[in-house]
Amino acid sequence: MYSDGHHGPEERLQRKLLPLLTAHGAHLMVAGHEHDLQHHLVNGIHYLIAGGGGKNVRKVSAKTPNTKFAEGRHGFLEIVAGPTKLEFRFRGTDGKVLHEGARP
């Protein structure tokens, strides 16, 4: 829905999905397809893109004010969900943390 990558933001998905996510109290949306790693925070919802596992990664375009992290590199997303807290970490191929966040 939100992206600084090759495909850019999807306004059609924003119109259709955002009301559903908001109505049902969603805190997180995870997507792929972009060949990069991204974290956006919009109206209290974390949008994570974990697309750094493909053959080729792509450059990230200009970052928006909602962008918390965006890099065109290989890596992966780790999510730890507990009863009262959700944590996420983007890691490089060497396992080092590139960016992390949490939702209580």
Protein backbone atom coordinates (compact mmCIF):
# COMPACT_ATOMS: atom_id res chain seq x y z
CA MET A 1 0.00 0.00 0.00
CA TYR A 2 2.84 2.36 0.89
CA SER A 3 6.18 2.00 -0.85
CA ASP A 4 9.25 3.98 -1.82
CA GLY A 5 10.31 1.21 -4.17
CA HIS A 6 9.96 0.39 -7.84
CA HIS A 7 6.18 -0.13 -7.78
CA GLY A 8 5.47 2.90 -5.59
CA PRO A 9 2.39 3.44 -3.43
CA GLU A 10 -0.82 1.67 -4.43
CA GLU A 11 -3.63 4.20 -4.06
CA ARG A 12 -6.25 1.62 -5.09
CA LEU A 13 -5.21 -0.66 -2.23
CA GLN A 14 -5.17 2.29 0.15
CA ARG A 15 -8.77 3.10 -0.76
CA LYS A 16 -9.94 -0.50 -0.39
CA LEU A 17 -7.83 -1.90 2.44
CA LEU A 18 -7.15 1.06 4.72
CA PRO A 19 -10.80 1.32 5.88
CA LEU A 20 -10.78 -2.43 6.69
CA LEU A 21 -7.46 -2.30 8.54
CA THR A 22 -8.63 0.70 10.53
CA ALA A 23 -12.10 -0.72 11.29
CA HIS A 24 -10.62 -3.95 12.62
CA GLY A 25 -7.85 -2.36 14.67
CA ALA A 26 -4.92 -3.68 12.63
CA HIS A 27 -1.48 -2.70 13.85
CA LEU A 28 0.62 -4.32 11.14
CA MET A 29 0.56 -5.19 7.44
CA VAL A 30 3.31 -7.28 5.84
CA ALA A 31 3.92 -7.41 2.10
CA GLY A 32 6.58 -8.45 -0.38
CA HIS A 33 6.97 -8.03 -4.13
CA GLU A 34 9.20 -4.96 -4.00
CA HIS A 35 12.84 -6.03 -4.21
CA ASP A 36 13.92 -4.16 -1.09
CA LEU A 37 13.23 -3.75 2.63
CA GLN A 38 10.90 -1.03 3.94
CA HIS A 39 9.04 0.14 7.05
CA HIS A 40 6.33 2.80 6.88
CA LEU A 41 4.22 4.06 9.78
CA VAL A 42 0.89 5.60 8.77
CA ASN A 43 -1.87 6.46 11.26
CA GLY A 44 -0.52 4.00 13.83
CA ILE A 45 -0.28 1.05 11.41
CA HIS A 46 3.15 -0.40 10.58
CA TYR A 47 3.57 -1.38 6.91
CA LEU A 48 6.52 -3.73 6.44
CA ILE A 49 7.86 -4.80 3.05
CA ALA A 50 10.16 -7.80 3.09
CA GLY A 51 11.28 -8.19 -0.50
CA GLY A 52 15.04 -8.51 -0.08
CA GLY A 53 15.32 -12.22 -0.83
CA GLY A 54 15.20 -12.16 -4.61
CA LYS A 55 17.95 -12.37 -7.16
CA ASN A 56 18.21 -8.63 -7.75
CA VAL A 57 17.38 -5.83 -5.35
CA ARG A 58 16.23 -2.43 -6.53
CA LYS A 59 17.08 1.09 -5.44
CA VAL A 60 14.63 2.88 -3.19
CA SER A 61 13.24 6.16 -4.52
CA ALA A 62 12.78 9.35 -2.51
CA LYS A 63 11.57 8.57 0.98
CA THR A 64 8.26 9.94 2.23
CA PRO A 65 7.57 11.46 5.68
CA ASN A 66 5.98 8.11 6.66
CA THR A 67 9.16 6.18 5.85
CA LYS A 68 10.98 4.85 8.90
CA PHE A 69 13.39 2.61 6.97
CA ALA A 70 13.98 1.76 3.30
CA GLU A 71 16.98 0.10 1.71
CA GLY A 72 17.56 -1.66 -1.57
CA ARG A 73 19.50 -4.63 -0.25
CA HIS A 74 19.22 -8.33 0.42
CA GLY A 75 17.92 -9.30 3.82
CA PHE A 76 14.93 -10.63 5.69
CA LEU A 77 12.26 -9.70 8.22
CA GLU A 78 12.03 -11.32 11.65
CA ILE A 79 8.74 -10.96 13.56
CA VAL A 80 8.29 -11.99 17.20
CA ALA A 81 4.69 -11.91 18.40
CA GLY A 82 3.80 -12.29 22.07
CA PRO A 83 0.57 -11.90 24.02
CA THR A 84 1.10 -8.17 24.65
CA LYS A 85 3.85 -7.05 22.26
CA LEU A 86 4.93 -7.45 18.66
CA GLU A 87 8.56 -6.89 17.67
CA PHE A 88 10.07 -6.80 14.20
CA ARG A 89 13.61 -6.64 12.88
CA PHE A 90 14.99 -6.26 9.40
CA ARG A 91 18.25 -8.17 9.14
CA GLY A 92 20.95 -8.21 6.50
CA THR A 93 22.23 -11.43 4.99
CA ASP A 94 24.91 -11.46 7.70
CA GLY A 95 22.18 -11.50 10.38
CA LYS A 96 22.96 -8.01 11.68
CA VAL A 97 19.98 -5.83 12.60
CA LEU A 98 19.42 -3.06 10.05
CA HIS A 99 16.25 -1.63 11.58
CA GLU A 100 13.87 -2.65 14.34
CA GLY A 101 10.61 -1.61 15.89
CA ALA A 102 7.83 -2.75 18.19
CA ARG A 103 4.12 -2.39 18.74
CA PRO A 104 2.92 -2.74 22.33
